[in-house]
Amino acid sequence: MGKKKSVNCPKNIVIFGEMGAGKSSLINLIADKNIAKTGPDLKRCTLTWKKYGLLNLFDDGMQYNIFDTMGIENAELEPKEYYRSIKNASRLLCELDACGGTSLLVYCVKENRQSSAWQSNYQLFREVLYERQVPIVMVVTCLERETDMEEWWTRNYASLETSQIVVEGHACVTTLKEEVTKYRASKEAVRELIRQHATATPVSGGWKPKEGMISASMRRFKRPDPEDKKLEDKLQRDLEGQCGMKPELALKVAKTFTYT
């Protein structure tokens, strides 16, 4: 189970989703200014992750760190890119531990992109990596064409539940400043999600046990640690069973998380 950090720690928000879902634009929406690069020419700009610090987001003196993650590709269609994104996610989790843990997961999806990848990415972060220890919310982007953006959720809620995608909260948004009224409403909706659901005590260490002296010594001399093998086997089972990964890819990913 994850460990709780003190209330004085910054609140770390992880935004994840497929490439092109609008994660960087969402960060700019939250900040209400252009701090993250966006655009069609940035096809592979987010090779790892980027951290954006927002002080006094709610005038409460609290530091909010927003982590923009690498776009997660479809495991079946782009296995190499998927593995690369998973490898970077593993490094990010270690970085988050050093920064105090994770307060909230924000699943960013684009309104016209529903696919099997939605479920597998949700399961990967929610069930496998964080073991349901961290709250998760969903933000649906590119809804400026909707007369009432919330109607998207009304139409698609049942299919999300059928796919076992269950979140603590959601926001249906546009990130286009030209849509003045909808943009303002979108900013307030996403900020309210963060205000309501980001835990006061961030969680860390839930996905991987701390390395003890014996384990570290065995690894240094390249001797297998039985606890590492147990974790690897559990991760592989979860990745196959919950994320629908093929055994070969699941094993590769499990090894990455266990030994990175």
Protein backbone atom coordinates (compact mmCIF):
# COMPACT_ATOMS: atom_id res chain seq x y z
CA MET A 1 0.00 0.00 0.00
CA GLY A 2 1.17 3.53 -0.72
CA LYS A 3 2.67 5.71 1.98
CA LYS A 4 1.15 9.06 2.90
CA LYS A 5 3.32 12.16 2.96
CA SER A 6 3.00 15.18 5.21
CA VAL A 7 0.46 17.88 4.46
CA ASN A 8 3.27 20.39 3.79
CA CYS A 9 4.35 18.59 0.63
CA PRO A 10 3.47 20.10 -2.76
CA LYS A 11 0.49 18.59 -4.53
CA ASN A 12 1.71 16.68 -7.58
CA ILE A 13 -0.77 16.29 -10.43
CA VAL A 14 -0.01 13.73 -13.18
CA ILE A 15 -1.68 14.31 -16.55
CA PHE A 16 -1.61 11.26 -18.82
CA GLY A 17 -3.23 10.15 -22.06
CA GLU A 18 -2.55 9.37 -25.70
CA MET A 19 -0.38 11.60 -27.85
CA GLY A 20 -2.49 14.40 -29.32
CA ALA A 21 -5.14 14.26 -26.60
CA GLY A 22 -4.40 17.85 -25.62
CA LYS A 23 -2.39 17.41 -22.42
CA SER A 24 -0.15 20.45 -22.96
CA SER A 25 -3.12 22.63 -23.90
CA LEU A 26 -4.87 21.43 -20.75
CA ILE A 27 -1.90 22.57 -18.65
CA ASN A 28 -2.09 26.01 -20.27
CA LEU A 29 -5.80 26.07 -19.46
CA ILE A 30 -5.14 25.30 -15.80
CA ALA A 31 -2.40 27.94 -15.59
CA ASP A 32 -4.43 30.41 -17.70
CA LYS A 33 -1.27 31.23 -19.63
CA ASN A 34 0.99 29.56 -22.18
CA ILE A 35 3.60 27.66 -20.19
CA ALA A 36 3.57 24.38 -22.16
CA LYS A 37 4.43 24.10 -25.84
CA THR A 38 1.68 22.90 -28.13
CA GLY A 39 1.09 22.44 -31.84
CA PRO A 40 1.19 19.92 -34.70
CA ASP A 41 4.96 20.29 -35.17
CA LEU A 42 5.60 18.86 -31.71
CA LYS A 43 4.86 15.27 -32.70
CA ARG A 44 7.55 13.84 -30.47
CA CYS A 45 8.35 16.75 -28.17
CA THR A 46 7.25 15.02 -24.97
CA LEU A 47 9.85 12.27 -24.93
CA THR A 48 9.79 11.95 -21.16
CA TRP A 49 7.85 14.34 -18.97
CA LYS A 50 7.92 17.96 -17.97
CA LYS A 51 7.17 19.52 -14.62
CA TYR A 52 5.34 22.84 -14.28
CA GLY A 53 5.21 24.53 -10.89
CA LEU A 54 2.12 26.61 -10.12
CA LEU A 55 2.25 28.60 -6.89
CA ASN A 56 -0.95 29.92 -5.35
CA LEU A 57 -3.21 28.33 -7.94
CA PHE A 58 -6.00 28.77 -5.41
CA ASP A 59 -4.44 31.58 -3.33
CA ASP A 60 -3.81 29.09 -0.55
CA GLY A 61 -0.01 29.25 -0.51
CA MET A 62 0.19 25.64 -1.74
CA GLN A 63 2.61 24.61 -4.48
CA TYR A 64 1.00 22.59 -7.28
CA ASN A 65 3.29 20.66 -9.61
CA ILE A 66 1.76 19.57 -12.91
CA PHE A 67 3.54 16.70 -14.67
CA ASP A 68 2.96 16.48 -18.43
CA THR A 69 3.71 12.88 -19.40
CA MET A 70 4.79 11.35 -22.68
CA GLY A 71 1.87 10.41 -24.93
CA ILE A 72 0.89 6.77 -24.46
CA GLU A 73 0.47 4.94 -27.74
CA ASN A 74 -1.75 1.95 -28.46
CA ALA A 75 0.11 -1.13 -27.21
CA GLU A 76 -1.09 -3.25 -30.12
CA LEU A 77 -0.49 -0.75 -32.94
CA GLU A 78 2.69 0.91 -31.68
CA PRO A 79 4.43 -1.55 -29.31
CA LYS A 80 7.84 0.16 -29.52
CA GLU A 81 6.44 3.61 -28.77
CA TYR A 82 4.24 2.13 -26.05
CA TYR A 83 7.22 0.52 -24.39
CA ARG A 84 9.19 3.75 -24.58
CA SER A 85 6.36 5.67 -22.92
CA ILE A 86 6.09 3.00 -20.22
CA LYS A 87 9.83 3.20 -19.56
CA ASN A 88 9.52 6.95 -19.07
CA ALA A 89 6.49 6.47 -16.81
CA SER A 90 8.65 4.26 -14.60
CA ARG A 91 11.23 7.02 -14.29
CA LEU A 92 8.51 9.57 -13.60
CA LEU A 93 7.18 7.50 -10.70
CA CYS A 94 10.63 7.53 -9.14
CA GLU A 95 10.81 11.29 -9.63
CA LEU A 96 7.39 11.71 -8.04
CA ASP A 97 8.50 9.74 -5.00
CA ALA A 98 11.42 12.16 -4.63
CA CYS A 99 8.99 15.10 -5.00
CA GLY A 100 6.68 13.85 -2.26
CA GLY A 101 4.28 11.47 -4.02
CA THR A 102 1.20 11.84 -6.22
CA SER A 103 -1.95 13.74 -5.27
CA LEU A 104 -4.11 13.28 -8.36
CA LEU A 105 -4.21 11.50 -11.73
CA VAL A 106 -5.81 13.42 -14.59
CA TYR A 107 -6.76 11.26 -17.57
CA CYS A 108 -6.86 13.51 -20.63
CA VAL A 109 -8.82 12.19 -23.62
CA LYS A 110 -9.93 13.72 -26.91
CA GLU A 111 -13.65 13.65 -27.62
CA ASN A 112 -13.51 11.79 -30.97
CA ARG A 113 -10.88 9.18 -30.09
CA GLN A 114 -12.64 6.48 -28.10
CA SER A 115 -10.76 3.21 -28.49
CA SER A 116 -9.57 0.15 -26.60
CA ALA A 117 -6.49 2.17 -25.63
CA TRP A 118 -8.69 4.28 -23.36
CA GLN A 119 -9.38 1.29 -21.15
CA SER A 120 -5.83 -0.12 -21.18
CA ASN A 121 -4.27 3.27 -20.31
CA TYR A 122 -6.78 3.79 -17.52
CA GLN A 123 -6.11 0.33 -16.11
CA LEU A 124 -2.34 0.84 -16.34
CA PHE A 125 -2.29 3.98 -14.21
CA ARG A 126 -5.29 3.46 -11.97
CA GLU A 127 -5.12 -0.25 -11.22
CA VAL A 128 -1.56 -1.41 -11.92
CA LEU A 129 0.80 1.46 -11.11
CA TYR A 130 -1.16 3.17 -8.35
CA GLU A 131 -3.28 0.25 -7.09
CA ARG A 132 -6.33 2.51 -6.62
CA GLN A 133 -4.44 4.55 -4.00
CA VAL A 134 -4.58 7.87 -5.89
CA PRO A 135 -7.78 9.65 -7.01
CA ILE A 136 -8.35 9.82 -10.76
CA VAL A 137 -10.43 12.26 -12.79
CA MET A 138 -11.07 12.56 -16.53
CA VAL A 139 -10.89 15.67 -18.71
CA VAL A 140 -12.43 15.44 -22.19
CA THR A 141 -10.97 17.99 -24.61
CA CYS A 142 -11.92 19.60 -27.95
CA LEU A 143 -15.60 20.08 -27.13
CA GLU A 144 -15.92 23.63 -28.45
CA ARG A 145 -18.41 22.45 -31.10
CA GLU A 146 -20.85 21.25 -28.47
CA THR A 147 -23.61 23.67 -27.57
CA ASP A 148 -23.48 22.25 -24.06
CA MET A 149 -20.10 20.59 -23.47
CA GLU A 150 -21.50 18.48 -20.62
CA GLU A 151 -23.75 16.71 -23.13
CA TRP A 152 -20.74 14.70 -24.27
CA TRP A 153 -20.57 13.06 -20.85
CA THR A 154 -24.29 12.38 -20.84
CA ARG A 155 -23.99 10.57 -24.19
CA ASN A 156 -20.84 8.58 -23.38
CA TYR A 157 -21.04 7.87 -19.66
CA ALA A 158 -22.63 4.45 -20.11
CA SER A 159 -20.01 3.26 -22.61
CA LEU A 160 -17.21 4.38 -20.25
CA GLU A 161 -18.76 2.39 -17.44
CA THR A 162 -19.07 -0.63 -19.74
CA SER A 163 -15.32 -0.30 -20.40
CA GLN A 164 -14.79 -0.21 -16.60
CA ILE A 165 -13.49 3.35 -16.71
CA VAL A 166 -14.70 4.83 -13.44
CA VAL A 167 -13.45 8.22 -12.25
CA GLU A 168 -14.05 10.37 -9.18
CA GLY A 169 -14.86 13.42 -11.28
CA HIS A 170 -14.81 14.78 -14.82
CA ALA A 171 -14.73 17.97 -16.87
CA CYS A 172 -15.80 18.50 -20.47
CA VAL A 173 -13.74 21.35 -21.88
CA THR A 174 -12.33 23.42 -24.66
CA THR A 175 -8.85 24.91 -24.51
CA LEU A 176 -9.50 27.49 -27.24
CA LYS A 177 -9.31 31.02 -25.86
CA GLU A 178 -11.38 32.25 -28.81
CA GLU A 179 -14.35 30.49 -27.21
CA VAL A 180 -14.39 33.05 -24.42
CA THR A 181 -17.37 31.83 -22.40
CA LYS A 182 -16.64 28.14 -22.81
CA TYR A 183 -12.93 28.68 -22.12
CA ARG A 184 -13.69 30.46 -18.84
CA ALA A 185 -16.11 27.71 -17.82
CA SER A 186 -13.56 25.04 -18.78
CA LYS A 187 -10.81 26.63 -16.70
CA GLU A 188 -13.04 26.83 -13.65
CA ALA A 189 -14.26 23.25 -14.12
CA VAL A 190 -10.75 21.77 -14.30
CA ARG A 191 -9.47 23.85 -11.41
CA GLU A 192 -12.43 22.74 -9.34
CA LEU A 193 -11.57 19.10 -10.13
CA ILE A 194 -8.08 19.68 -8.77
CA ARG A 195 -9.37 21.57 -5.74
CA GLN A 196 -11.84 18.84 -4.84
CA HIS A 197 -9.90 15.68 -5.63
CA ALA A 198 -6.17 16.31 -5.15
CA THR A 199 -5.36 14.60 -1.88
CA ALA A 200 -3.92 16.69 0.95
CA THR A 201 -1.49 13.85 1.69
CA PRO A 202 0.20 12.64 -1.53
CA VAL A 203 0.78 8.93 -2.02
CA SER A 204 4.12 7.35 -2.89
CA GLY A 205 5.67 3.93 -2.91
CA GLY A 206 2.44 2.03 -3.58
CA TRP A 207 3.54 0.52 -6.87
CA LYS A 208 7.00 -0.62 -5.78
CA PRO A 209 8.48 -1.45 -2.37
CA LYS A 210 11.43 0.49 -1.03
CA GLU A 211 14.75 -1.15 -1.75
CA GLY A 212 16.39 -2.46 1.40
CA MET A 213 20.07 -3.00 2.04
CA ILE A 214 19.93 -6.71 1.20
CA SER A 215 18.02 -6.12 -2.01
CA ALA A 216 20.38 -3.32 -3.04
CA SER A 217 23.41 -5.51 -2.33
CA MET A 218 22.03 -8.42 -4.33
CA ARG A 219 21.24 -6.14 -7.25
CA ARG A 220 24.72 -4.59 -7.12
CA PHE A 221 26.26 -8.02 -7.52
CA LYS A 222 23.66 -9.00 -10.14
CA ARG A 223 22.05 -11.64 -7.98
CA PRO A 224 18.26 -11.98 -8.27
CA ASP A 225 16.20 -10.83 -5.31
CA PRO A 226 13.15 -13.09 -4.66
CA GLU A 227 11.04 -10.03 -3.75
CA ASP A 228 11.88 -8.40 -7.08
CA LYS A 229 10.82 -11.57 -8.89
CA LYS A 230 7.51 -11.63 -7.00
CA LEU A 231 6.85 -8.02 -7.99
CA GLU A 232 7.78 -8.71 -11.60
CA ASP A 233 5.41 -11.70 -11.76
CA LYS A 234 2.55 -9.73 -10.17
CA LEU A 235 3.01 -6.81 -12.56
CA GLN A 236 3.07 -9.15 -15.54
CA ARG A 237 -0.16 -10.82 -14.43
CA ASP A 238 -1.83 -7.44 -13.89
CA LEU A 239 -0.67 -6.07 -17.24
CA GLU A 240 -1.97 -9.13 -19.08
CA GLY A 241 -5.21 -9.46 -17.12
CA GLN A 242 -6.20 -5.83 -16.59
CA CYS A 243 -4.54 -4.02 -19.50
CA GLY A 244 -4.90 -6.80 -22.07
CA MET A 245 -1.20 -6.84 -22.96
CA LYS A 246 0.32 -9.73 -24.83
CA PRO A 247 2.61 -11.85 -22.60
CA GLU A 248 5.83 -10.82 -24.35
CA LEU A 249 5.16 -7.10 -23.98
CA ALA A 250 3.78 -7.51 -20.45
CA LEU A 251 6.97 -9.27 -19.35
CA LYS A 252 9.13 -6.55 -20.89
CA VAL A 253 7.15 -3.80 -19.20
CA ALA A 254 7.10 -5.63 -15.86
CA LYS A 255 10.88 -5.95 -15.93
CA THR A 256 11.19 -2.24 -16.68
CA PHE A 257 9.12 -1.22 -13.67
CA THR A 258 10.76 -3.73 -11.37
CA TYR A 259 14.38 -3.02 -12.17
CA THR A 260 14.41 0.65 -13.25
